Amino acid sequence: MNPSQQATEAVQHSLRVVFDQPELAPQPSDRLQHDLGLDSMTFLHLALELEAFLGAPLGENPEQPPETVSDLVELVSQRMELEKDVA
């Protein structure tokens, strides 16, 4: 499984956990706030879930947080690549 696929799986799993909806199937174009209803506290919970998966901080820009599921997958994928390079 490549890093993008791993990131996609991690984001989808984390969204299911955060929303407590095992059947949730977010689409890449789903907007985190508008389509999924993610508020700041839920985003924090999601970030903590993903950081637990990564074993490292997400490192998102607080001025420009990810807007879509695809943006979040890209952020996680980039972080996975950075962690791989460090290890």
N, C-alpha and C. Protein backbone atom coordinates (compact mmCIF):
# COMPACT_ATOMS: atom_id res chain seq x y z
N MET A 1 0.85 -1.18 0.00
CA MET A 1 0.00 0.00 0.00
C MET A 1 0.90 1.24 0.00
N ASN A 2 0.64 2.17 -0.92
CA ASN A 2 1.48 3.36 -1.00
C ASN A 2 1.03 4.40 0.05
N PRO A 3 1.86 5.42 0.30
CA PRO A 3 1.53 6.42 1.33
C PRO A 3 0.19 7.12 1.11
N SER A 4 -0.16 7.39 -0.13
CA SER A 4 -1.45 8.04 -0.40
C SER A 4 -2.61 7.14 0.00
N GLN A 5 -2.51 5.86 -0.30
CA GLN A 5 -3.56 4.91 0.09
C GLN A 5 -3.62 4.78 1.60
N GLN A 6 -2.46 4.72 2.25
CA GLN A 6 -2.42 4.64 3.71
C GLN A 6 -3.03 5.89 4.33
N ALA A 7 -2.72 7.04 3.77
CA ALA A 7 -3.26 8.30 4.28
C ALA A 7 -4.78 8.34 4.11
N THR A 8 -5.26 7.88 2.95
CA THR A 8 -6.70 7.84 2.69
C THR A 8 -7.40 6.95 3.71
N GLU A 9 -6.84 5.77 3.93
CA GLU A 9 -7.41 4.83 4.91
C GLU A 9 -7.40 5.43 6.31
N ALA A 10 -6.31 6.09 6.69
CA ALA A 10 -6.20 6.69 8.02
C ALA A 10 -7.21 7.81 8.21
N VAL A 11 -7.37 8.66 7.20
CA VAL A 11 -8.32 9.77 7.29
C VAL A 11 -9.75 9.22 7.36
N GLN A 12 -10.08 8.29 6.52
CA GLN A 12 -11.44 7.73 6.54
C GLN A 12 -11.72 7.05 7.87
N HIS A 13 -10.77 6.27 8.36
CA HIS A 13 -10.94 5.60 9.66
C HIS A 13 -11.12 6.63 10.77
N SER A 14 -10.27 7.64 10.78
CA SER A 14 -10.34 8.66 11.83
C SER A 14 -11.65 9.42 11.78
N LEU A 15 -12.15 9.73 10.59
CA LEU A 15 -13.44 10.40 10.48
C LEU A 15 -14.56 9.52 11.02
N ARG A 16 -14.49 8.23 10.75
CA ARG A 16 -15.51 7.30 11.29
C ARG A 16 -15.47 7.28 12.81
N VAL A 17 -14.26 7.26 13.37
CA VAL A 17 -14.10 7.25 14.83
C VAL A 17 -14.62 8.55 15.43
N VAL A 18 -14.21 9.68 14.87
CA VAL A 18 -14.59 10.99 15.41
C VAL A 18 -16.10 11.19 15.36
N PHE A 19 -16.72 10.80 14.27
CA PHE A 19 -18.17 10.97 14.13
C PHE A 19 -18.96 9.78 14.69
N ASP A 20 -18.25 8.73 15.13
CA ASP A 20 -18.87 7.52 15.67
C ASP A 20 -19.90 6.97 14.67
N GLN A 21 -19.46 6.90 13.41
CA GLN A 21 -20.30 6.38 12.33
C GLN A 21 -19.49 5.38 11.51
N PRO A 22 -19.53 4.11 11.88
CA PRO A 22 -18.72 3.09 11.19
C PRO A 22 -18.98 2.99 9.70
N GLU A 23 -20.14 3.41 9.24
CA GLU A 23 -20.49 3.30 7.82
C GLU A 23 -20.17 4.56 7.04
N LEU A 24 -19.64 5.59 7.68
CA LEU A 24 -19.33 6.86 7.01
C LEU A 24 -18.36 6.62 5.86
N ALA A 25 -18.71 7.13 4.69
CA ALA A 25 -17.86 6.98 3.50
C ALA A 25 -17.60 8.34 2.88
N PRO A 26 -16.71 9.13 3.51
CA PRO A 26 -16.45 10.48 2.98
C PRO A 26 -15.80 10.43 1.61
N GLN A 27 -16.20 11.37 0.77
CA GLN A 27 -15.63 11.50 -0.56
C GLN A 27 -14.49 12.50 -0.53
N PRO A 28 -13.51 12.38 -1.42
CA PRO A 28 -12.37 13.31 -1.42
C PRO A 28 -12.79 14.77 -1.52
N SER A 29 -13.87 15.04 -2.23
CA SER A 29 -14.29 16.43 -2.41
C SER A 29 -15.15 16.96 -1.26
N ASP A 30 -15.51 16.11 -0.31
CA ASP A 30 -16.32 16.57 0.83
C ASP A 30 -15.56 17.64 1.61
N ARG A 31 -16.25 18.75 1.85
CA ARG A 31 -15.66 19.82 2.64
C ARG A 31 -15.84 19.48 4.11
N LEU A 32 -14.77 19.59 4.88
CA LEU A 32 -14.79 19.17 6.28
C LEU A 32 -15.83 19.93 7.09
N GLN A 33 -15.90 21.23 6.93
CA GLN A 33 -16.87 22.02 7.69
C GLN A 33 -18.26 21.96 7.09
N HIS A 34 -18.38 22.29 5.83
CA HIS A 34 -19.69 22.46 5.22
C HIS A 34 -20.41 21.14 4.94
N ASP A 35 -19.71 20.15 4.46
CA ASP A 35 -20.36 18.89 4.10
C ASP A 35 -20.42 17.90 5.26
N LEU A 36 -19.34 17.85 6.04
CA LEU A 36 -19.28 16.88 7.14
C LEU A 36 -19.65 17.48 8.49
N GLY A 37 -19.72 18.80 8.56
CA GLY A 37 -20.12 19.44 9.81
C GLY A 37 -19.03 19.48 10.88
N LEU A 38 -17.79 19.46 10.46
CA LEU A 38 -16.67 19.47 11.39
C LEU A 38 -16.52 20.86 11.99
N ASP A 39 -16.62 20.96 13.32
CA ASP A 39 -16.36 22.24 13.99
C ASP A 39 -14.95 22.21 14.57
N SER A 40 -14.54 23.27 15.22
CA SER A 40 -13.15 23.36 15.69
C SER A 40 -12.81 22.28 16.72
N MET A 41 -13.73 21.95 17.60
CA MET A 41 -13.45 20.91 18.60
C MET A 41 -13.38 19.53 17.94
N THR A 42 -14.25 19.30 16.98
CA THR A 42 -14.22 18.01 16.28
C THR A 42 -12.96 17.90 15.43
N PHE A 43 -12.53 19.03 14.84
CA PHE A 43 -11.28 19.01 14.08
C PHE A 43 -10.11 18.68 14.99
N LEU A 44 -10.12 19.22 16.20
CA LEU A 44 -9.06 18.91 17.16
C LEU A 44 -9.05 17.41 17.48
N HIS A 45 -10.22 16.84 17.70
CA HIS A 45 -10.33 15.40 17.96
C HIS A 45 -9.79 14.61 16.76
N LEU A 46 -10.16 15.03 15.56
CA LEU A 46 -9.69 14.38 14.34
C LEU A 46 -8.17 14.48 14.22
N ALA A 47 -7.63 15.67 14.49
CA ALA A 47 -6.18 15.86 14.42
C ALA A 47 -5.47 14.94 15.42
N LEU A 48 -6.01 14.81 16.62
CA LEU A 48 -5.40 13.93 17.62
C LEU A 48 -5.44 12.47 17.17
N GLU A 49 -6.54 12.06 16.56
CA GLU A 49 -6.63 10.69 16.02
C GLU A 49 -5.56 10.46 14.95
N LEU A 50 -5.41 11.42 14.05
CA LEU A 50 -4.44 11.27 12.97
C LEU A 50 -3.01 11.36 13.50
N GLU A 51 -2.77 12.19 14.49
CA GLU A 51 -1.43 12.27 15.08
C GLU A 51 -1.07 10.98 15.79
N ALA A 52 -2.06 10.32 16.40
CA ALA A 52 -1.81 9.02 17.02
C ALA A 52 -1.42 8.00 15.94
N PHE A 53 -2.09 8.05 14.80
CA PHE A 53 -1.75 7.17 13.68
C PHE A 53 -0.33 7.44 13.19
N LEU A 54 -0.01 8.73 13.02
CA LEU A 54 1.30 9.12 12.49
C LEU A 54 2.42 8.96 13.49
N GLY A 55 2.08 9.11 14.77
CA GLY A 55 3.13 9.14 15.79
C GLY A 55 3.88 10.45 15.76
N ALA A 56 3.26 11.48 15.20
CA ALA A 56 3.89 12.80 15.06
C ALA A 56 2.79 13.83 14.84
N PRO A 57 3.10 15.10 15.09
CA PRO A 57 2.10 16.15 14.84
C PRO A 57 1.77 16.26 13.36
N LEU A 58 0.54 16.66 13.08
CA LEU A 58 0.12 16.87 11.69
C LEU A 58 0.91 18.00 11.04
N GLY A 59 1.13 19.06 11.78
CA GLY A 59 1.87 20.19 11.24
C GLY A 59 1.06 21.04 10.29
N GLU A 60 -0.28 21.05 10.48
CA GLU A 60 -1.12 21.86 9.61
C GLU A 60 -0.92 23.34 9.91
N ASN A 61 -1.13 24.16 8.90
CA ASN A 61 -1.02 25.60 9.05
C ASN A 61 -2.32 26.10 9.68
N PRO A 62 -2.26 26.66 10.90
CA PRO A 62 -3.50 27.10 11.55
C PRO A 62 -4.21 28.22 10.79
N GLU A 63 -3.46 28.94 9.96
CA GLU A 63 -4.07 30.00 9.16
C GLU A 63 -4.79 29.45 7.93
N GLN A 64 -4.41 28.26 7.51
CA GLN A 64 -5.02 27.63 6.34
C GLN A 64 -5.23 26.14 6.61
N PRO A 65 -6.19 25.81 7.47
CA PRO A 65 -6.44 24.40 7.74
C PRO A 65 -6.99 23.70 6.50
N PRO A 66 -6.86 22.38 6.44
CA PRO A 66 -7.40 21.65 5.29
C PRO A 66 -8.91 21.90 5.17
N GLU A 67 -9.37 22.07 3.93
CA GLU A 67 -10.79 22.35 3.69
C GLU A 67 -11.58 21.12 3.28
N THR A 68 -10.91 20.20 2.58
CA THR A 68 -11.61 19.01 2.07
C THR A 68 -10.95 17.75 2.60
N VAL A 69 -11.64 16.65 2.42
CA VAL A 69 -11.07 15.35 2.79
C VAL A 69 -9.78 15.14 2.00
N SER A 70 -9.79 15.51 0.74
CA SER A 70 -8.60 15.37 -0.11
C SER A 70 -7.43 16.19 0.44
N ASP A 71 -7.69 17.41 0.89
CA ASP A 71 -6.63 18.24 1.50
C ASP A 71 -6.04 17.55 2.72
N LEU A 72 -6.91 16.95 3.52
CA LEU A 72 -6.45 16.27 4.73
C LEU A 72 -5.64 15.03 4.39
N VAL A 73 -6.07 14.30 3.39
CA VAL A 73 -5.31 13.12 2.93
C VAL A 73 -3.92 13.55 2.46
N GLU A 74 -3.86 14.63 1.71
CA GLU A 74 -2.58 15.14 1.21
C GLU A 74 -1.67 15.54 2.38
N LEU A 75 -2.22 16.21 3.38
CA LEU A 75 -1.45 16.61 4.55
C LEU A 75 -0.89 15.39 5.28
N VAL A 76 -1.72 14.39 5.49
CA VAL A 76 -1.27 13.17 6.17
C VAL A 76 -0.23 12.45 5.33
N SER A 77 -0.44 12.37 4.03
CA SER A 77 0.51 11.71 3.14
C SER A 77 1.87 12.41 3.17
N GLN A 78 1.85 13.75 3.12
CA GLN A 78 3.10 14.50 3.19
C GLN A 78 3.82 14.25 4.52
N ARG A 79 3.06 14.22 5.60
CA ARG A 79 3.65 14.00 6.92
C ARG A 79 4.25 12.59 7.01
N MET A 80 3.57 11.62 6.40
CA MET A 80 4.09 10.25 6.39
C MET A 80 5.42 10.20 5.64
N GLU A 81 5.50 10.92 4.52
CA GLU A 81 6.74 10.95 3.76
C GLU A 81 7.88 11.59 4.57
N LEU A 82 7.56 12.68 5.28
CA LEU A 82 8.57 13.33 6.13
C LEU A 82 9.05 12.38 7.22
N GLU A 83 8.13 11.70 7.85
CA GLU A 83 8.50 10.77 8.93
C GLU A 83 9.33 9.61 8.39
N LYS A 84 9.01 9.16 7.17
CA LYS A 84 9.78 8.08 6.55
C LYS A 84 11.21 8.52 6.28
N ASP A 85 11.36 9.77 5.82
CA ASP A 85 12.69 10.30 5.53
C ASP A 85 13.51 10.49 6.79
N VAL A 86 12.85 10.81 7.92
CA VAL A 86 13.56 11.00 9.19
C VAL A 86 14.02 9.66 9.74
N ALA A 87 13.18 8.63 9.57
CA ALA A 87 13.51 7.31 10.10
C ALA A 87 14.55 6.67 9.28
